[in-house]
Amino acid sequence: MLRQRLMAKVVCSILIVFVPFVVIRRMQTRARLNRDLLSAVQSLDSASVDRLLAAGASANVCQHDAEGSGILQRVLSAFLQKHGDPAIVLVFSRRLPEPVGRDRYYLIIRSLIEHGADSGARSAELGKPALEYAITYGTPECVRLFLARGALKRLTEEEVSICIALSDTPTCELLLLYGANANSRAKGGMTALMAAQSPDKVDLLLRHGADPYLTDSTGRDAMSWMTSGKELLDEADCAAVIQELRKHGVEH
């Protein structure tokens, strides 16, 4: 009996030392994988991203989450809610010439989302949704990855309006097909139709229910925006957009 008690104490002593050691080593390994993943993401190295995700790196890692491996440091970062930009936003931090950059964005975003990255993630400082970055710098295929995971439902009405306004015509069509409201309003009551810069986009928005007679906070509707001189368009482009509005029966 005494011998069994001694053996039990020895086993307990070993476990007390060994288990925390294993846990800490695993945390250190995970932190190293996460640091390497963030580096690969920022370098747009899709092959390394795939390898690190397969090895156990977190697709939802943020900048400050991967800084250091100490338990105290990780707890402090969590307490201060100091996380930094998530990997799915950091993808767009490096600008490459088209089409090389856009193809790499797509490959990395696809890998991150397939490994559970949050499609509704936002940048830490500005609070911009990752979807907005994808619309600005990615391809329609890249945007589709976000939309298929429900990113659109995580946006405010103002953010939806901004995303529609920023998008090119093919991407805008994707947004509308996934349920974006063509009459969503941004700050000051502005709609995407008021911001449209091409006849094709005007036609698309009107076919998806955009109301050309909605007014912003200054009382201007879509036609008024064009006829009063639009800041972002030259005279010829304004005339083309006005002609498209009139083709749809819109009058001033």
Protein backbone atom coordinates (compact mmCIF):
# COMPACT_ATOMS: atom_id res chain seq x y z
CA MET A 1 0.00 0.00 0.00
CA LEU A 2 2.82 2.38 0.92
CA ARG A 3 4.55 1.57 -2.32
CA GLN A 4 1.41 2.40 -4.30
CA ARG A 5 1.07 5.73 -2.51
CA LEU A 6 4.66 6.61 -3.30
CA MET A 7 4.16 5.71 -6.95
CA ALA A 8 1.03 7.84 -7.08
CA LYS A 9 2.92 10.83 -5.64
CA VAL A 10 5.71 10.36 -8.16
CA VAL A 11 3.22 10.22 -11.03
CA CYS A 12 1.43 13.33 -9.75
CA SER A 13 4.72 15.19 -9.44
CA ILE A 14 5.66 14.29 -12.98
CA LEU A 15 2.27 15.37 -14.30
CA ILE A 16 2.44 18.66 -12.42
CA VAL A 17 5.72 19.45 -14.15
CA PHE A 18 5.08 17.80 -17.53
CA VAL A 19 1.54 18.95 -18.35
CA PRO A 20 2.20 22.71 -18.05
CA PHE A 21 5.39 22.21 -20.06
CA VAL A 22 3.45 20.54 -22.88
CA VAL A 23 0.75 23.22 -22.80
CA ILE A 24 3.31 26.03 -22.94
CA ARG A 25 5.22 24.36 -25.75
CA ARG A 26 2.00 24.01 -27.74
CA MET A 27 1.16 27.67 -27.17
CA GLN A 28 4.65 28.66 -28.30
CA THR A 29 4.35 26.51 -31.41
CA ARG A 30 0.93 27.97 -32.20
CA ALA A 31 2.23 31.51 -31.68
CA ARG A 32 5.15 30.82 -34.01
CA LEU A 33 2.83 29.40 -36.67
CA ASN A 34 0.57 32.43 -36.33
CA ARG A 35 3.48 34.87 -36.64
CA ASP A 36 4.71 33.04 -39.72
CA LEU A 37 1.18 33.07 -41.16
CA LEU A 38 0.84 36.83 -40.77
CA SER A 39 4.22 37.28 -42.44
CA ALA A 40 3.19 35.00 -45.33
CA VAL A 41 -0.14 36.84 -45.70
CA GLN A 42 1.54 40.24 -45.87
CA SER A 43 4.05 38.85 -48.39
CA LEU A 44 1.16 37.39 -50.43
CA ASP A 45 2.91 34.00 -50.32
CA SER A 46 -0.06 31.71 -50.97
CA ALA A 47 1.96 28.47 -50.81
CA SER A 48 3.27 29.30 -47.32
CA VAL A 49 -0.21 30.36 -46.20
CA ASP A 50 -1.60 26.97 -47.25
CA ARG A 51 1.23 25.12 -45.47
CA LEU A 52 0.90 27.07 -42.22
CA LEU A 53 -2.88 26.74 -42.09
CA ALA A 54 -2.54 22.98 -42.61
CA ALA A 55 -0.01 22.89 -39.75
CA GLY A 56 -2.46 24.51 -37.34
CA ALA A 57 -2.10 28.28 -37.66
CA SER A 58 -5.30 30.19 -36.93
CA ALA A 59 -7.09 31.71 -39.93
CA ASN A 60 -8.49 34.34 -37.55
CA VAL A 61 -5.17 35.45 -36.08
CA CYS A 62 -4.69 39.19 -35.61
CA GLN A 63 -1.46 41.18 -35.48
CA HIS A 64 -1.19 41.60 -31.70
CA ASP A 65 -2.47 38.08 -30.99
CA ALA A 66 0.68 36.67 -32.58
CA GLU A 67 3.14 39.04 -30.91
CA GLY A 68 5.15 37.00 -28.43
CA SER A 69 4.24 33.69 -26.87
CA GLY A 70 4.10 34.57 -23.18
CA ILE A 71 0.85 33.75 -21.42
CA LEU A 72 0.85 37.08 -19.57
CA GLN A 73 1.31 39.02 -22.78
CA ARG A 74 -1.55 37.17 -24.48
CA VAL A 75 -3.86 37.69 -21.49
CA LEU A 76 -2.95 41.39 -21.36
CA SER A 77 -3.66 41.85 -25.09
CA ALA A 78 -7.04 40.16 -24.65
CA PHE A 79 -7.86 42.30 -21.60
CA LEU A 80 -6.98 45.52 -23.46
CA GLN A 81 -8.84 44.26 -26.54
CA LYS A 82 -5.68 45.05 -28.47
CA HIS A 83 -5.80 42.70 -31.42
CA GLY A 84 -4.70 44.57 -34.54
CA ASP A 85 -5.85 43.81 -38.06
CA PRO A 86 -6.96 40.23 -38.75
CA ALA A 87 -5.17 38.20 -41.42
CA ILE A 88 -8.12 38.47 -43.81
CA VAL A 89 -7.71 42.28 -43.80
CA LEU A 90 -3.89 42.23 -43.87
CA VAL A 91 -4.06 40.42 -47.20
CA PHE A 92 -4.83 43.78 -48.82
CA SER A 93 -2.06 45.71 -47.02
CA ARG A 94 0.40 45.12 -49.86
CA ARG A 95 -0.37 46.55 -53.28
CA LEU A 96 0.80 44.64 -56.34
CA PRO A 97 0.24 45.50 -60.00
CA GLU A 98 -2.75 43.88 -61.66
CA PRO A 99 -3.47 41.11 -62.42
CA VAL A 100 -0.71 39.54 -60.26
CA GLY A 101 -1.86 41.17 -57.03
CA ARG A 102 -5.54 40.41 -57.50
CA ASP A 103 -4.88 36.75 -58.29
CA ARG A 104 -2.79 36.39 -55.14
CA TYR A 105 -5.44 38.11 -53.04
CA TYR A 106 -7.96 35.56 -54.27
CA LEU A 107 -5.79 32.52 -53.50
CA ILE A 108 -5.01 33.65 -49.96
CA ILE A 109 -8.56 34.78 -49.15
CA ARG A 110 -9.86 31.44 -50.40
CA SER A 111 -7.44 29.54 -48.13
CA LEU A 112 -8.24 31.67 -45.09
CA ILE A 113 -12.01 31.35 -45.53
CA GLU A 114 -11.78 27.60 -46.15
CA HIS A 115 -9.95 27.33 -42.81
CA GLY A 116 -12.60 29.28 -40.93
CA ALA A 117 -11.61 32.95 -41.25
CA ASP A 118 -14.39 35.34 -40.26
CA SER A 119 -15.77 36.85 -43.48
CA GLY A 120 -17.25 39.70 -41.44
CA ALA A 121 -13.91 40.75 -39.90
CA ARG A 122 -12.96 44.42 -39.79
CA SER A 123 -9.80 46.49 -39.70
CA ALA A 124 -8.77 47.39 -36.16
CA GLU A 125 -8.19 51.13 -36.58
CA LEU A 126 -10.80 52.19 -39.14
CA GLY A 127 -13.40 49.48 -38.50
CA LYS A 128 -13.82 48.92 -42.24
CA PRO A 129 -15.22 45.51 -43.21
CA ALA A 130 -12.88 43.14 -45.05
CA LEU A 131 -15.51 42.96 -47.80
CA GLU A 132 -14.93 46.64 -48.59
CA TYR A 133 -11.20 45.99 -49.06
CA ALA A 134 -12.01 43.03 -51.31
CA ILE A 135 -14.27 45.24 -53.45
CA THR A 136 -11.64 47.97 -53.70
CA TYR A 137 -8.58 45.81 -54.38
CA GLY A 138 -9.82 42.32 -55.28
CA THR A 139 -11.70 40.66 -58.11
CA PRO A 140 -15.39 39.73 -58.35
CA GLU A 141 -14.33 36.14 -57.62
CA CYS A 142 -12.61 37.33 -54.44
CA VAL A 143 -15.72 39.28 -53.42
CA ARG A 144 -17.87 36.22 -54.07
CA LEU A 145 -15.90 34.29 -51.42
CA PHE A 146 -17.00 36.83 -48.80
CA LEU A 147 -20.59 37.00 -50.01
CA ALA A 148 -20.95 33.21 -50.01
CA ARG A 149 -20.05 33.25 -46.30
CA GLY A 150 -22.65 35.86 -45.39
CA ALA A 151 -20.41 38.94 -45.15
CA LEU A 152 -23.12 41.19 -46.60
CA LYS A 153 -25.46 40.48 -43.69
CA ARG A 154 -22.85 41.84 -41.27
CA LEU A 155 -22.85 45.32 -42.79
CA THR A 156 -24.80 48.41 -41.83
CA GLU A 157 -27.01 50.13 -44.42
CA GLU A 158 -24.38 52.84 -44.86
CA GLU A 159 -21.66 50.23 -45.44
CA VAL A 160 -23.81 48.42 -48.00
CA SER A 161 -24.32 51.70 -49.87
CA ILE A 162 -20.58 52.41 -49.79
CA CYS A 163 -19.75 48.92 -51.07
CA ILE A 164 -22.20 49.29 -53.97
CA ALA A 165 -20.82 52.73 -54.81
CA LEU A 166 -17.20 51.50 -54.75
CA SER A 167 -17.84 48.43 -56.87
CA ASP A 168 -17.39 48.09 -60.60
CA THR A 169 -20.37 46.86 -62.60
CA PRO A 170 -19.66 43.08 -62.40
CA THR A 171 -19.00 43.29 -58.65
CA CYS A 172 -22.06 45.49 -58.14
CA GLU A 173 -24.18 42.85 -59.87
CA LEU A 174 -22.81 40.23 -57.48
CA LEU A 175 -23.70 42.38 -54.47
CA LEU A 176 -27.23 42.87 -55.74
CA LEU A 177 -27.68 39.17 -56.50
CA TYR A 178 -26.63 38.35 -52.94
CA GLY A 179 -29.29 40.69 -51.56
CA ALA A 180 -27.75 44.16 -51.33
CA ASN A 181 -30.43 46.85 -51.32
CA ALA A 182 -29.94 49.15 -54.33
CA ASN A 183 -31.56 51.97 -52.31
CA SER A 184 -29.24 51.73 -49.30
CA ARG A 185 -28.21 55.16 -48.11
CA ALA A 186 -24.80 56.42 -47.08
CA LYS A 187 -24.00 59.49 -45.01
CA GLY A 188 -26.14 62.44 -45.99
CA GLY A 189 -28.76 60.21 -47.57
CA MET A 190 -26.71 59.57 -50.70
CA THR A 191 -27.52 56.44 -52.71
CA ALA A 192 -25.32 54.37 -55.01
CA LEU A 193 -27.30 55.61 -58.01
CA MET A 194 -26.29 59.19 -57.21
CA ALA A 195 -22.66 58.06 -57.14
CA ALA A 196 -22.83 55.88 -60.27
CA GLN A 197 -20.15 56.80 -62.79
CA SER A 198 -21.10 54.75 -65.84
CA PRO A 199 -24.25 54.11 -67.91
CA ASP A 200 -23.84 50.34 -67.38
CA LYS A 201 -23.95 50.72 -63.62
CA VAL A 202 -26.91 53.10 -63.79
CA ASP A 203 -28.77 50.56 -65.93
CA LEU A 204 -27.90 47.73 -63.52
CA LEU A 205 -29.04 49.65 -60.43
CA LEU A 206 -32.30 50.74 -62.01
CA ARG A 207 -33.06 47.18 -63.13
CA HIS A 208 -32.55 46.05 -59.52
CA GLY A 209 -35.00 48.53 -58.08
CA ALA A 210 -32.96 51.67 -57.44
CA ASP A 211 -35.31 54.62 -56.96
CA PRO A 212 -34.05 57.57 -59.03
CA TYR A 213 -36.32 60.01 -57.17
CA LEU A 214 -34.88 59.47 -53.71
CA THR A 215 -33.20 62.64 -52.43
CA ASP A 216 -30.20 63.23 -50.22
CA SER A 217 -30.06 65.63 -47.27
CA THR A 218 -29.66 68.58 -49.65
CA GLY A 219 -32.77 67.64 -51.65
CA ARG A 220 -30.94 66.41 -54.76
CA ASP A 221 -31.96 63.22 -56.57
CA ALA A 222 -29.86 61.17 -59.02
CA MET A 223 -30.64 63.40 -62.01
CA SER A 224 -29.91 66.52 -59.98
CA TRP A 225 -26.50 65.13 -59.09
CA MET A 226 -25.69 64.84 -62.78
CA THR A 227 -27.22 68.06 -64.09
CA SER A 228 -25.69 70.16 -61.30
CA GLY A 229 -22.19 68.95 -62.23
CA LYS A 230 -20.81 65.86 -60.62
CA GLU A 231 -17.42 66.29 -58.98
CA LEU A 232 -15.98 62.89 -60.00
CA LEU A 233 -17.10 62.88 -63.65
CA ASP A 234 -16.18 64.96 -66.67
CA GLU A 235 -18.85 66.51 -68.88
CA ALA A 236 -18.98 63.63 -71.38
CA ASP A 237 -19.41 60.98 -68.66
CA CYS A 238 -22.13 63.02 -66.97
CA ALA A 239 -23.95 63.33 -70.30
CA ALA A 240 -23.76 59.55 -70.82
CA VAL A 241 -25.18 58.86 -67.36
CA ILE A 242 -27.97 61.44 -67.88
CA GLN A 243 -28.85 59.81 -71.19
CA GLU A 244 -29.08 56.40 -69.48
CA LEU A 245 -31.35 57.81 -66.77
CA ARG A 246 -33.63 59.28 -69.45
CA LYS A 247 -33.69 55.94 -71.31
CA HIS A 248 -35.30 54.55 -68.18
CA GLY A 249 -37.88 57.35 -68.16
CA VAL A 250 -36.24 59.40 -65.42
CA GLU A 251 -36.94 63.11 -65.69
CA HIS A 252 -35.48 65.99 -63.76
